Amino acid sequence: MRRRSLGFVLAICALALAASCVSPEELHREDEAACTGYGFKPGTNDFANCLQRESLARRYAIQADRPRGCINRSVSATS
Protein backbone atom coordinates (compact mmCIF):
# COMPACT_ATOMS: atom_id res chain seq x y z
CA MET A 1 0.00 0.00 0.00
CA ARG A 2 2.74 2.45 0.96
CA ARG A 3 4.74 1.71 -2.21
CA ARG A 4 1.64 2.24 -4.32
CA SER A 5 0.97 5.63 -2.71
CA LEU A 6 4.58 6.68 -3.26
CA GLY A 7 4.32 5.70 -6.93
CA PHE A 8 1.14 7.73 -7.29
CA VAL A 9 2.70 10.79 -5.67
CA LEU A 10 5.78 10.53 -7.88
CA ALA A 11 3.60 10.21 -10.99
CA ILE A 12 1.65 13.34 -10.04
CA CYS A 13 4.89 15.25 -9.42
CA ALA A 14 6.29 14.14 -12.78
CA LEU A 15 3.13 15.27 -14.58
CA ALA A 16 3.19 18.64 -12.82
CA LEU A 17 6.83 19.14 -13.73
CA ALA A 18 6.26 18.19 -17.37
CA ALA A 19 3.29 20.55 -17.61
CA SER A 20 5.38 23.46 -16.33
CA CYS A 21 8.12 23.10 -18.97
CA VAL A 22 8.13 25.75 -21.68
CA SER A 23 10.73 25.97 -24.42
CA PRO A 24 12.71 29.18 -25.02
CA GLU A 25 10.97 29.47 -28.40
CA GLU A 26 7.55 29.37 -26.73
CA LEU A 27 8.63 31.99 -24.21
CA HIS A 28 9.85 34.21 -27.05
CA ARG A 29 6.54 33.83 -28.89
CA GLU A 30 4.67 34.74 -25.71
CA ASP A 31 6.86 37.82 -25.26
CA GLU A 32 6.29 38.82 -28.90
CA ALA A 33 2.54 38.41 -28.47
CA ALA A 34 2.59 40.51 -25.31
CA CYS A 35 4.62 43.29 -26.92
CA THR A 36 2.40 43.29 -30.01
CA GLY A 37 -0.58 43.46 -27.66
CA TYR A 38 0.96 46.51 -26.00
CA GLY A 39 0.99 48.17 -29.42
CA PHE A 40 4.68 47.85 -30.32
CA LYS A 41 5.51 47.09 -33.95
CA PRO A 42 7.89 44.18 -34.72
CA GLY A 43 11.26 45.30 -36.08
CA THR A 44 11.38 48.54 -34.11
CA ASN A 45 13.67 49.51 -31.26
CA ASP A 46 10.65 49.89 -28.98
CA PHE A 47 9.58 46.32 -29.78
CA ALA A 48 13.09 45.04 -29.01
CA ASN A 49 13.11 46.96 -25.74
CA CYS A 50 9.73 45.48 -24.84
CA LEU A 51 11.02 41.95 -25.54
CA GLN A 52 13.98 42.62 -23.27
CA ARG A 53 11.74 43.97 -20.48
CA GLU A 54 9.44 40.94 -20.73
CA SER A 55 12.41 38.57 -20.50
CA LEU A 56 13.89 40.42 -17.54
CA ALA A 57 10.54 40.52 -15.75
CA ARG A 58 10.25 36.74 -16.12
CA ARG A 59 13.77 36.24 -14.75
CA TYR A 60 13.08 38.47 -11.77
CA ALA A 61 9.83 36.59 -11.09
CA ILE A 62 11.69 33.26 -11.23
CA GLN A 63 14.39 34.66 -8.94
CA ALA A 64 11.78 35.86 -6.43
CA ASP A 65 10.16 32.40 -6.29
CA ARG A 66 13.47 30.59 -5.78
CA PRO A 67 14.51 29.63 -2.25
CA ARG A 68 17.68 31.30 -0.97
CA GLY A 69 20.84 29.51 -2.03
CA CYS A 70 19.14 27.65 -4.87
CA ILE A 71 20.86 27.88 -8.25
CA ASN A 72 18.82 27.14 -11.36
CA ARG A 73 21.05 26.74 -14.38
CA SER A 74 18.12 25.93 -16.70
CA VAL A 75 17.38 29.62 -17.41
CA SER A 76 19.52 30.48 -20.39
CA ALA A 77 21.06 33.86 -21.06
CA THR A 78 19.34 34.07 -24.45
CA SER A 79 15.72 33.66 -23.38
C-alpha atoms as a PDB file:
ATOM      1  CA  MET A   1       0.000   0.000   0.000  1.00  0.00           C
ATOM      2  CA  ARG A   2       2.738   2.446   0.956  1.00  0.00           C
ATOM      3  CA  ARG A   3       4.742   1.705  -2.210  1.00  0.00           C
ATOM      4  CA  ARG A   4       1.641   2.237  -4.315  1.00  0.00           C
ATOM      5  CA  SER A   5       0.974   5.629  -2.711  1.00  0.00           C
ATOM      6  CA  LEU A   6       4.576   6.682  -3.264  1.00  0.00           C
ATOM      7  CA  GLY A   7       4.320   5.698  -6.932  1.00  0.00           C
ATOM      8  CA  PHE A   8       1.136   7.725  -7.292  1.00  0.00           C
ATOM      9  CA  VAL A   9       2.697  10.790  -5.675  1.00  0.00           C
ATOM     10  CA  LEU A  10       5.782  10.527  -7.883  1.00  0.00           C
ATOM     11  CA  ALA A  11       3.600  10.211 -10.991  1.00  0.00           C
ATOM     12  CA  ILE A  12       1.645  13.338 -10.041  1.00  0.00           C
ATOM     13  CA  CYS A  13       4.887  15.248  -9.424  1.00  0.00           C
ATOM     14  CA  ALA A  14       6.285  14.136 -12.783  1.00  0.00           C
ATOM     15  CA  LEU A  15       3.133  15.271 -14.576  1.00  0.00           C
ATOM     16  CA  ALA A  16       3.186  18.636 -12.824  1.00  0.00           C
ATOM     17  CA  LEU A  17       6.832  19.140 -13.727  1.00  0.00           C
ATOM     18  CA  ALA A  18       6.261  18.188 -17.367  1.00  0.00           C
ATOM     19  CA  ALA A  19       3.294  20.548 -17.614  1.00  0.00           C
ATOM     20  CA  SER A  20       5.384  23.459 -16.333  1.00  0.00           C
ATOM     21  CA  CYS A  21       8.125  23.098 -18.969  1.00  0.00           C
ATOM     22  CA  VAL A  22       8.131  25.750 -21.676  1.00  0.00           C
ATOM     23  CA  SER A  23      10.731  25.965 -24.420  1.00  0.00           C
ATOM     24  CA  PRO A  24      12.707  29.176 -25.018  1.00  0.00           C
ATOM     25  CA  GLU A  25      10.969  29.475 -28.397  1.00  0.00           C
ATOM     26  CA  GLU A  26       7.547  29.365 -26.730  1.00  0.00           C
ATOM     27  CA  LEU A  27       8.633  31.988 -24.207  1.00  0.00           C
ATOM     28  CA  HIS A  28       9.854  34.214 -27.049  1.00  0.00           C
ATOM     29  CA  ARG A  29       6.538  33.826 -28.894  1.00  0.00           C
ATOM     30  CA  GLU A  30       4.669  34.739 -25.709  1.00  0.00           C
ATOM     31  CA  ASP A  31       6.862  37.817 -25.260  1.00  0.00           C
ATOM     32  CA  GLU A  32       6.295  38.818 -28.897  1.00  0.00           C
ATOM     33  CA  ALA A  33       2.541  38.407 -28.468  1.00  0.00           C
ATOM     34  CA  ALA A  34       2.592  40.513 -25.308  1.00  0.00           C
ATOM     35  CA  CYS A  35       4.618  43.291 -26.924  1.00  0.00           C
ATOM     36  CA  THR A  36       2.403  43.285 -30.007  1.00  0.00           C
ATOM     37  CA  GLY A  37      -0.581  43.457 -27.665  1.00  0.00           C
ATOM     38  CA  TYR A  38       0.963  46.507 -26.000  1.00  0.00           C
ATOM     39  CA  GLY A  39       0.990  48.173 -29.421  1.00  0.00           C
ATOM     40  CA  PHE A  40       4.677  47.854 -30.316  1.00  0.00           C
ATOM     41  CA  LYS A  41       5.513  47.085 -33.947  1.00  0.00           C
ATOM     42  CA  PRO A  42       7.894  44.185 -34.717  1.00  0.00           C
ATOM     43  CA  GLY A  43      11.262  45.295 -36.084  1.00  0.00           C
ATOM     44  CA  THR A  44      11.378  48.544 -34.111  1.00  0.00           C
ATOM     45  CA  ASN A  45      13.665  49.510 -31.257  1.00  0.00           C
ATOM     46  CA  ASP A  46      10.654  49.894 -28.978  1.00  0.00           C
ATOM     47  CA  PHE A  47       9.578  46.325 -29.776  1.00  0.00           C
ATOM     48  CA  ALA A  48      13.087  45.040 -29.014  1.00  0.00           C
ATOM     49  CA  ASN A  49      13.114  46.963 -25.735  1.00  0.00           C
ATOM     50  CA  CYS A  50       9.735  45.485 -24.843  1.00  0.00           C
ATOM     51  CA  LEU A  51      11.024  41.954 -25.542  1.00  0.00           C
ATOM     52  CA  GLN A  52      13.978  42.623 -23.275  1.00  0.00           C
ATOM     53  CA  ARG A  53      11.745  43.970 -20.484  1.00  0.00           C
ATOM     54  CA  GLU A  54       9.439  40.945 -20.727  1.00  0.00           C
ATOM     55  CA  SER A  55      12.407  38.572 -20.504  1.00  0.00           C
ATOM     56  CA  LEU A  56      13.893  40.416 -17.537  1.00  0.00           C
ATOM     57  CA  ALA A  57      10.545  40.518 -15.746  1.00  0.00           C
ATOM     58  CA  ARG A  58      10.251  36.735 -16.116  1.00  0.00           C
ATOM     59  CA  ARG A  59      13.771  36.235 -14.753  1.00  0.00           C
ATOM     60  CA  TYR A  60      13.077  38.475 -11.771  1.00  0.00           C
ATOM     61  CA  ALA A  61       9.835  36.589 -11.088  1.00  0.00           C
ATOM     62  CA  ILE A  62      11.695  33.262 -11.229  1.00  0.00           C
ATOM     63  CA  GLN A  63      14.388  34.662  -8.944  1.00  0.00           C
ATOM     64  CA  ALA A  64      11.781  35.858  -6.431  1.00  0.00           C
ATOM     65  CA  ASP A  65      10.157  32.403  -6.287  1.00  0.00           C
ATOM     66  CA  ARG A  66      13.466  30.589  -5.782  1.00  0.00           C
ATOM     67  CA  PRO A  67      14.511  29.632  -2.255  1.00  0.00           C
ATOM     68  CA  ARG A  68      17.678  31.297  -0.972  1.00  0.00           C
ATOM     69  CA  GLY A  69      20.837  29.512  -2.028  1.00  0.00           C
ATOM     70  CA  CYS A  70      19.137  27.653  -4.872  1.00  0.00           C
ATOM     71  CA  ILE A  71      20.861  27.880  -8.249  1.00  0.00           C
ATOM     72  CA  ASN A  72      18.816  27.143 -11.365  1.00  0.00           C
ATOM     73  CA  ARG A  73      21.054  26.736 -14.382  1.00  0.00           C
ATOM     74  CA  SER A  74      18.124  25.928 -16.702  1.00  0.00           C
ATOM     75  CA  VAL A  75      17.378  29.623 -17.409  1.00  0.00           C
ATOM     76  CA  SER A  76      19.525  30.482 -20.392  1.00  0.00           C
ATOM     77  CA  ALA A  77      21.059  33.863 -21.061  1.00  0.00           C
ATOM     78  CA  THR A  78      19.341  34.066 -24.451  1.00  0.00           C
ATOM     79  CA  SER A  79      15.720  33.655 -23.377  1.00  0.00           C
END
